Amino acid sequence: MARLSGLQREVLSLYRKCLREIRKKPAETRENFRVYARAEFQKQVTVSKKDFTAIEYLLRKGQRQLETYSSPGIRNIR
């Protein structure tokens, strides 16, 4: 397998962080968070690997969303 670029590693790292945070949510709502996280990443699958500006923007946006949804007060997502 080819080596991953720095941005590719950052995207995978963000996805893993999302999955780890999902484990902290109540058992009955984890599936909702998992589906949401997967859908958010899937929406951006068409972004070119060479569009660094867009990827960096999406990473920043994803980090902000992760911080928001990691809050213990947020117990479910639709």
PDB file of N, CA and C in Angstrom:
ATOM      1  N   MET A   1       0.832  -1.177   0.000  1.00  0.00           N
ATOM      2  CA  MET A   1       0.000   0.000   0.000  1.00  0.00           C
ATOM      3  C   MET A   1       0.878   1.243   0.000  1.00  0.00           C
ATOM      4  N   ALA A   2       0.453   2.243  -0.741  1.00  0.00           N
ATOM      5  CA  ALA A   2       1.218   3.475  -0.841  1.00  0.00           C
ATOM      6  C   ALA A   2       1.191   4.231   0.485  1.00  0.00           C
ATOM      7  N   ARG A   3       2.222   5.012   0.713  1.00  0.00           N
ATOM      8  CA  ARG A   3       2.275   5.822   1.935  1.00  0.00           C
ATOM      9  C   ARG A   3       1.249   6.935   1.852  1.00  0.00           C
ATOM     10  N   LEU A   4       0.717   7.294   2.989  1.00  0.00           N
ATOM     11  CA  LEU A   4      -0.297   8.345   3.041  1.00  0.00           C
ATOM     12  C   LEU A   4       0.362   9.704   3.189  1.00  0.00           C
ATOM     13  N   SER A   5      -0.261  10.706   2.566  1.00  0.00           N
ATOM     14  CA  SER A   5       0.239  12.069   2.714  1.00  0.00           C
ATOM     15  C   SER A   5      -0.160  12.597   4.088  1.00  0.00           C
ATOM     16  N   GLY A   6       0.375  13.739   4.445  1.00  0.00           N
ATOM     17  CA  GLY A   6       0.054  14.349   5.730  1.00  0.00           C
ATOM     18  C   GLY A   6      -1.428  14.654   5.875  1.00  0.00           C
ATOM     19  N   LEU A   7      -2.027  15.181   4.812  1.00  0.00           N
ATOM     20  CA  LEU A   7      -3.453  15.507   4.873  1.00  0.00           C
ATOM     21  C   LEU A   7      -4.304  14.240   4.992  1.00  0.00           C
ATOM     22  N   GLN A   8      -3.914  13.203   4.286  1.00  0.00           N
ATOM     23  CA  GLN A   8      -4.659  11.948   4.377  1.00  0.00           C
ATOM     24  C   GLN A   8      -4.614  11.396   5.792  1.00  0.00           C
ATOM     25  N   ARG A   9      -3.435  11.492   6.419  1.00  0.00           N
ATOM     26  CA  ARG A   9      -3.317  11.040   7.811  1.00  0.00           C
ATOM     27  C   ARG A   9      -4.174  11.883   8.737  1.00  0.00           C
ATOM     28  N   GLU A  10      -4.248  13.196   8.485  1.00  0.00           N
ATOM     29  CA  GLU A  10      -5.075  14.077   9.310  1.00  0.00           C
ATOM     30  C   GLU A  10      -6.555  13.730   9.180  1.00  0.00           C
ATOM     31  N   VAL A  11      -6.997  13.426   7.963  1.00  0.00           N
ATOM     32  CA  VAL A  11      -8.402  13.063   7.748  1.00  0.00           C
ATOM     33  C   VAL A  11      -8.724  11.764   8.489  1.00  0.00           C
ATOM     34  N   LEU A  12      -7.853  10.777   8.366  1.00  0.00           N
ATOM     35  CA  LEU A  12      -8.067   9.508   9.073  1.00  0.00           C
ATOM     36  C   LEU A  12      -8.040   9.708  10.587  1.00  0.00           C
ATOM     37  N   SER A  13      -7.166  10.572  11.047  1.00  0.00           N
ATOM     38  CA  SER A  13      -7.084  10.867  12.475  1.00  0.00           C
ATOM     39  C   SER A  13      -8.376  11.507  12.971  1.00  0.00           C
ATOM     40  N   LEU A  14      -8.917  12.435  12.204  1.00  0.00           N
ATOM     41  CA  LEU A  14     -10.179  13.074  12.577  1.00  0.00           C
ATOM     42  C   LEU A  14     -11.302  12.045  12.632  1.00  0.00           C
ATOM     43  N   TYR A  15     -11.334  11.143  11.668  1.00  0.00           N
ATOM     44  CA  TYR A  15     -12.371  10.114  11.642  1.00  0.00           C
ATOM     45  C   TYR A  15     -12.261   9.206  12.873  1.00  0.00           C
ATOM     46  N   ARG A  16     -11.032   8.818  13.219  1.00  0.00           N
ATOM     47  CA  ARG A  16     -10.831   7.975  14.408  1.00  0.00           C
ATOM     48  C   ARG A  16     -11.250   8.709  15.679  1.00  0.00           C
ATOM     49  N   LYS A  17     -10.941  10.007  15.745  1.00  0.00           N
ATOM     50  CA  LYS A  17     -11.365  10.796  16.912  1.00  0.00           C
ATOM     51  C   LYS A  17     -12.884  10.817  17.013  1.00  0.00           C
ATOM     52  N   CYS A  18     -13.542  10.946  15.880  1.00  0.00           N
ATOM     53  CA  CYS A  18     -15.012  10.929  15.876  1.00  0.00           C
ATOM     54  C   CYS A  18     -15.524   9.601  16.428  1.00  0.00           C
ATOM     55  N   LEU A  19     -14.946   8.510  15.964  1.00  0.00           N
ATOM     56  CA  LEU A  19     -15.388   7.193  16.422  1.00  0.00           C
ATOM     57  C   LEU A  19     -15.135   7.006  17.915  1.00  0.00           C
ATOM     58  N   ARG A  20     -14.017   7.547  18.413  1.00  0.00           N
ATOM     59  CA  ARG A  20     -13.733   7.440  19.843  1.00  0.00           C
ATOM     60  C   ARG A  20     -14.736   8.239  20.667  1.00  0.00           C
ATOM     61  N   GLU A  21     -15.096   9.419  20.185  1.00  0.00           N
ATOM     62  CA  GLU A  21     -16.063  10.245  20.904  1.00  0.00           C
ATOM     63  C   GLU A  21     -17.452   9.604  20.905  1.00  0.00           C
ATOM     64  N   ILE A  22     -17.769   8.903  19.837  1.00  0.00           N
ATOM     65  CA  ILE A  22     -19.073   8.242  19.746  1.00  0.00           C
ATOM     66  C   ILE A  22     -19.212   7.204  20.860  1.00  0.00           C
ATOM     67  N   ARG A  23     -18.112   6.540  21.215  1.00  0.00           N
ATOM     68  CA  ARG A  23     -18.160   5.543  22.284  1.00  0.00           C
ATOM     69  C   ARG A  23     -18.538   6.141  23.633  1.00  0.00           C
ATOM     70  N   LYS A  24     -18.363   7.446  23.787  1.00  0.00           N
ATOM     71  CA  LYS A  24     -18.680   8.112  25.051  1.00  0.00           C
ATOM     72  C   LYS A  24     -20.150   8.510  25.148  1.00  0.00           C
ATOM     73  N   LYS A  25     -20.879   8.387  24.054  1.00  0.00           N
ATOM     74  CA  LYS A  25     -22.286   8.774  24.033  1.00  0.00           C
ATOM     75  C   LYS A  25     -23.154   7.639  24.564  1.00  0.00           C
ATOM     76  N   PRO A  26     -24.395   7.962  24.970  1.00  0.00           N
ATOM     77  CA  PRO A  26     -25.296   6.908  25.479  1.00  0.00           C
ATOM     78  C   PRO A  26     -25.492   5.805  24.425  1.00  0.00           C
ATOM     79  N   ALA A  27     -25.589   4.586  24.886  1.00  0.00           N
ATOM     80  CA  ALA A  27     -25.669   3.421  23.990  1.00  0.00           C
ATOM     81  C   ALA A  27     -26.824   3.523  23.008  1.00  0.00           C
ATOM     82  N   GLU A  28     -27.960   4.072  23.446  1.00  0.00           N
ATOM     83  CA  GLU A  28     -29.128   4.121  22.558  1.00  0.00           C
ATOM     84  C   GLU A  28     -28.991   5.157  21.439  1.00  0.00           C
ATOM     85  N   THR A  29     -28.025   6.083  21.538  1.00  0.00           N
ATOM     86  CA  THR A  29     -27.884   7.101  20.490  1.00  0.00           C
ATOM     87  C   THR A  29     -26.580   6.981  19.699  1.00  0.00           C
ATOM     88  N   ARG A  30     -25.747   6.028  20.044  1.00  0.00           N
ATOM     89  CA  ARG A  30     -24.458   5.894  19.352  1.00  0.00           C
ATOM     90  C   ARG A  30     -24.626   5.684  17.856  1.00  0.00           C
ATOM     91  N   GLU A  31     -25.597   4.893  17.483  1.00  0.00           N
ATOM     92  CA  GLU A  31     -25.805   4.603  16.057  1.00  0.00           C
ATOM     93  C   GLU A  31     -26.124   5.884  15.294  1.00  0.00           C
ATOM     94  N   ASN A  32     -26.909   6.789  15.896  1.00  0.00           N
ATOM     95  CA  ASN A  32     -27.231   8.062  15.238  1.00  0.00           C
ATOM     96  C   ASN A  32     -25.959   8.871  14.982  1.00  0.00           C
ATOM     97  N   PHE A  33     -25.074   8.919  15.972  1.00  0.00           N
ATOM     98  CA  PHE A  33     -23.811   9.648  15.811  1.00  0.00           C
ATOM     99  C   PHE A  33     -22.938   8.992  14.755  1.00  0.00           C
ATOM    100  N   ARG A  34     -22.893   7.655  14.750  1.00  0.00           N
ATOM    101  CA  ARG A  34     -22.068   6.946  13.770  1.00  0.00           C
ATOM    102  C   ARG A  34     -22.551   7.210  12.351  1.00  0.00           C
ATOM    103  N   VAL A  35     -23.863   7.146  12.157  1.00  0.00           N
ATOM    104  CA  VAL A  35     -24.440   7.393  10.838  1.00  0.00           C
ATOM    105  C   VAL A  35     -24.157   8.829  10.396  1.00  0.00           C
ATOM    106  N   TYR A  36     -24.287   9.770  11.328  1.00  0.00           N
ATOM    107  CA  TYR A  36     -24.034  11.174  11.001  1.00  0.00           C
ATOM    108  C   TYR A  36     -22.570  11.387  10.606  1.00  0.00           C
ATOM    109  N   ALA A  37     -21.647  10.842  11.399  1.00  0.00           N
ATOM    110  CA  ALA A  37     -20.220  11.014  11.108  1.00  0.00           C
ATOM    111  C   ALA A  37     -19.871  10.415   9.750  1.00  0.00           C
ATOM    112  N   ARG A  38     -20.362   9.225   9.505  1.00  0.00           N
ATOM    113  CA  ARG A  38     -20.076   8.569   8.225  1.00  0.00           C
ATOM    114  C   ARG A  38     -20.636   9.379   7.060  1.00  0.00           C
ATOM    115  N   ALA A  39     -21.846   9.904   7.216  1.00  0.00           N
ATOM    116  CA  ALA A  39     -22.474  10.691   6.150  1.00  0.00           C
ATOM    117  C   ALA A  39     -21.690  11.974   5.878  1.00  0.00           C
ATOM    118  N   GLU A  40     -21.203  12.617   6.940  1.00  0.00           N
ATOM    119  CA  GLU A  40     -20.441  13.857   6.763  1.00  0.00           C
ATOM    120  C   GLU A  40     -19.144  13.595   5.986  1.00  0.00           C
ATOM    121  N   PHE A  41     -18.462  12.502   6.302  1.00  0.00           N
ATOM    122  CA  PHE A  41     -17.242  12.178   5.569  1.00  0.00           C
ATOM    123  C   PHE A  41     -17.581  11.739   4.143  1.00  0.00           C
ATOM    124  N   GLN A  42     -18.644  10.997   3.975  1.00  0.00           N
ATOM    125  CA  GLN A  42     -19.032  10.493   2.654  1.00  0.00           C
ATOM    126  C   GLN A  42     -19.419  11.638   1.712  1.00  0.00           C
ATOM    127  N   LYS A  43     -20.013  12.703   2.254  1.00  0.00           N
ATOM    128  CA  LYS A  43     -20.406  13.845   1.415  1.00  0.00           C
ATOM    129  C   LYS A  43     -19.205  14.471   0.713  1.00  0.00           C
ATOM    130  N   GLN A  44     -18.039  14.367   1.322  1.00  0.00           N
ATOM    131  CA  GLN A  44     -16.851  15.041   0.799  1.00  0.00           C
ATOM    132  C   GLN A  44     -15.940  14.121  -0.002  1.00  0.00           C
ATOM    133  N   VAL A  45     -16.419  12.939  -0.324  1.00  0.00           N
ATOM    134  CA  VAL A  45     -15.583  11.961  -1.015  1.00  0.00           C
ATOM    135  C   VAL A  45     -15.169  12.438  -2.418  1.00  0.00           C
ATOM    136  N   THR A  46     -15.907  13.367  -2.982  1.00  0.00           N
ATOM    137  CA  THR A  46     -15.599  13.842  -4.338  1.00  0.00           C
ATOM    138  C   THR A  46     -14.552  14.954  -4.364  1.00  0.00           C
ATOM    139  N   VAL A  47     -14.129  15.436  -3.196  1.00  0.00           N
ATOM    140  CA  VAL A  47     -13.110  16.485  -3.158  1.00  0.00           C
ATOM    141  C   VAL A  47     -11.794  15.915  -3.679  1.00  0.00           C
ATOM    142  N   SER A  48     -11.182  16.642  -4.586  1.00  0.00           N
ATOM    143  CA  SER A  48      -9.925  16.191  -5.181  1.00  0.00           C
ATOM    144  C   SER A  48      -8.817  16.107  -4.127  1.00  0.00           C
ATOM    145  N   LYS A  49      -7.968  15.099  -4.252  1.00  0.00           N
ATOM    146  CA  LYS A  49      -6.846  14.946  -3.333  1.00  0.00           C
ATOM    147  C   LYS A  49      -5.863  16.112  -3.434  1.00  0.00           C
ATOM    148  N   LYS A  50      -5.923  16.815  -4.541  1.00  0.00           N
ATOM    149  CA  LYS A  50      -4.992  17.923  -4.763  1.00  0.00           C
ATOM    150  C   LYS A  50      -5.570  19.279  -4.369  1.00  0.00           C
ATOM    151  N   ASP A  51      -6.806  19.303  -3.929  1.00  0.00           N
ATOM    152  CA  ASP A  51      -7.453  20.549  -3.508  1.00  0.00           C
ATOM    153  C   ASP A  51      -7.161  20.784  -2.023  1.00  0.00           C
ATOM    154  N   PHE A  52      -5.923  21.204  -1.750  1.00  0.00           N
ATOM    155  CA  PHE A  52      -5.456  21.336  -0.375  1.00  0.00           C
ATOM    156  C   PHE A  52      -6.255  22.359   0.418  1.00  0.00           C
ATOM    157  N   THR A  53      -6.637  23.445  -0.228  1.00  0.00           N
ATOM    158  CA  THR A  53      -7.389  24.491   0.464  1.00  0.00           C
ATOM    159  C   THR A  53      -8.719  23.946   0.975  1.00  0.00           C
ATOM    160  N   ALA A  54      -9.426  23.237   0.135  1.00  0.00           N
ATOM    161  CA  ALA A  54     -10.726  22.685   0.526  1.00  0.00           C
ATOM    162  C   ALA A  54     -10.562  21.637   1.624  1.00  0.00           C
ATOM    163  N   ILE A  55      -9.560  20.788   1.500  1.00  0.00           N
ATOM    164  CA  ILE A  55      -9.344  19.741   2.493  1.00  0.00           C
ATOM    165  C   ILE A  55      -9.001  20.355   3.843  1.00  0.00           C
ATOM    166  N   GLU A  56      -8.129  21.367   3.840  1.00  0.00           N
ATOM    167  CA  GLU A  56      -7.766  22.013   5.099  1.00  0.00           C
ATOM    168  C   GLU A  56      -8.975  22.702   5.726  1.00  0.00           C
ATOM    169  N   TYR A  57      -9.800  23.326   4.907  1.00  0.00           N
ATOM    170  CA  TYR A  57     -11.024  23.958   5.408  1.00  0.00           C
ATOM    171  C   TYR A  57     -11.945  22.911   6.036  1.00  0.00           C
ATOM    172  N   LEU A  58     -12.142  21.804   5.345  1.00  0.00           N
ATOM    173  CA  LEU A  58     -13.023  20.751   5.848  1.00  0.00           C
ATOM    174  C   LEU A  58     -12.478  20.132   7.132  1.00  0.00           C
ATOM    175  N   LEU A  59     -11.166  20.018   7.241  1.00  0.00           N
ATOM    176  CA  LEU A  59     -10.568  19.507   8.474  1.00  0.00           C
ATOM    177  C   LEU A  59     -10.847  20.444   9.641  1.00  0.00           C
ATOM    178  N   ARG A  60     -10.682  21.754   9.416  1.00  0.00           N
ATOM    179  CA  ARG A  60     -10.973  22.729  10.472  1.00  0.00           C
ATOM    180  C   ARG A  60     -12.442  22.680  10.866  1.00  0.00           C
ATOM    181  N   LYS A  61     -13.304  22.597   9.867  1.00  0.00           N
ATOM    182  CA  LYS A  61     -14.746  22.523  10.125  1.00  0.00           C
ATOM    183  C   LYS A  61     -15.077  21.250  10.906  1.00  0.00           C
ATOM    184  N   GLY A  62     -14.475  20.148  10.530  1.00  0.00           N
ATOM    185  CA  GLY A  62     -14.709  18.882  11.208  1.00  0.00           C
ATOM    186  C   GLY A  62     -14.233  18.919  12.657  1.00  0.00           C
ATOM    187  N   GLN A  63     -13.086  19.553  12.894  1.00  0.00           N
ATOM    188  CA  GLN A  63     -12.576  19.671  14.267  1.00  0.00           C
ATOM    189  C   GLN A  63     -13.550  20.480  15.129  1.00  0.00           C
ATOM    190  N   ARG A  64     -14.081  21.569  14.563  1.00  0.00           N
ATOM    191  CA  ARG A  64     -15.047  22.390  15.313  1.00  0.00           C
ATOM    192  C   ARG A  64     -16.308  21.590  15.614  1.00  0.00           C
ATOM    193  N   GLN A  65     -16.798  20.848  14.632  1.00  0.00           N
ATOM    194  CA  GLN A  65     -17.997  20.034  14.848  1.00  0.00           C
ATOM    195  C   GLN A  65     -17.732  18.967  15.912  1.00  0.00           C
ATOM    196  N   LEU A  66     -16.570  18.356  15.860  1.00  0.00           N
ATOM    197  CA  LEU A  66     -16.221  17.323  16.836  1.00  0.00           C
ATOM    198  C   LEU A  66     -16.210  17.911  18.244  1.00  0.00           C
ATOM    199  N   GLU A  67     -15.622  19.093  18.398  1.00  0.00           N
ATOM    200  CA  GLU A  67     -15.609  19.746  19.705  1.00  0.00           C
ATOM    201  C   GLU A  67     -17.027  20.005  20.191  1.00  0.00           C
ATOM    202  N   THR A  68     -17.893  20.450  19.295  1.00  0.00           N
ATOM    203  CA  THR A  68     -19.275  20.741  19.663  1.00  0.00           C
ATOM    204  C   THR A  68     -20.005  19.477  20.080  1.00  0.00           C
ATOM    205  N   TYR A  69     -19.919  18.440  19.268  1.00  0.00           N
ATOM    206  CA  TYR A  69     -20.663  17.221  19.538  1.00  0.00           C
ATOM    207  C   TYR A  69     -20.033  16.383  20.655  1.00  0.00           C
ATOM    208  N   SER A  70     -18.798  16.683  21.037  1.00  0.00           N
ATOM    209  CA  SER A  70     -18.157  15.965  22.132  1.00  0.00           C
ATOM    210  C   SER A  70     -18.676  16.418  23.483  1.00  0.00           C
ATOM    211  N   SER A  71     -19.342  17.534  23.507  1.00  0.00           N
ATOM    212  CA  SER A  71     -19.863  18.069  24.760  1.00  0.00           C
ATOM    213  C   SER A  71     -20.790  17.043  25.423  1.00  0.00           C
ATOM    214  N   PRO A  72     -20.635  16.857  26.742  1.00  0.00           N
ATOM    215  CA  PRO A  72     -21.495  15.881  27.438  1.00  0.00           C
ATOM    216  C   PRO A  72     -22.975  16.251  27.381  1.00  0.00           C
ATOM    217  N   GLY A  73     -23.284  17.517  27.171  1.00  0.00           N
ATOM    218  CA  GLY A  73     -24.667  17.950  27.106  1.00  0.00           C
ATOM    219  C   GLY A  73     -25.401  17.476  25.858  1.00  0.00           C
ATOM    220  N   ILE A  74     -24.653  17.156  24.831  1.00  0.00           N
ATOM    221  CA  ILE A  74     -25.277  16.687  23.580  1.00  0.00           C
ATOM    222  C   ILE A  74     -25.382  15.177  23.662  1.00  0.00           C
ATOM    223  N   ARG A  75     -26.615  14.713  23.712  1.00  0.00           N
ATOM    224  CA  ARG A  75     -26.854  13.299  23.953  1.00  0.00           C
ATOM    225  C   ARG A  75     -27.404  12.575  22.722  1.00  0.00           C
ATOM    226  N   ASN A  76     -27.858  13.333  21.722  1.00  0.00           N
ATOM    227  CA  ASN A  76     -28.411  12.710  20.518  1.00  0.00           C
ATOM    228  C   ASN A  76     -28.221  13.646  19.336  1.00  0.00           C
ATOM    229  N   ILE A  77     -28.258  13.099  18.153  1.00  0.00           N
ATOM    230  CA  ILE A  77     -28.106  13.854  16.918  1.00  0.00           C
ATOM    231  C   ILE A  77     -29.073  13.258  15.909  1.00  0.00           C
ATOM    232  N   ARG A  78     -29.585  14.093  15.024  1.00  0.00           N
ATOM    233  CA  ARG A  78     -30.535  13.582  14.027  1.00  0.00           C
ATOM    234  C   ARG A  78     -29.983  13.753  12.651  1.00  0.00           C
TER     235      ARG A  78
END
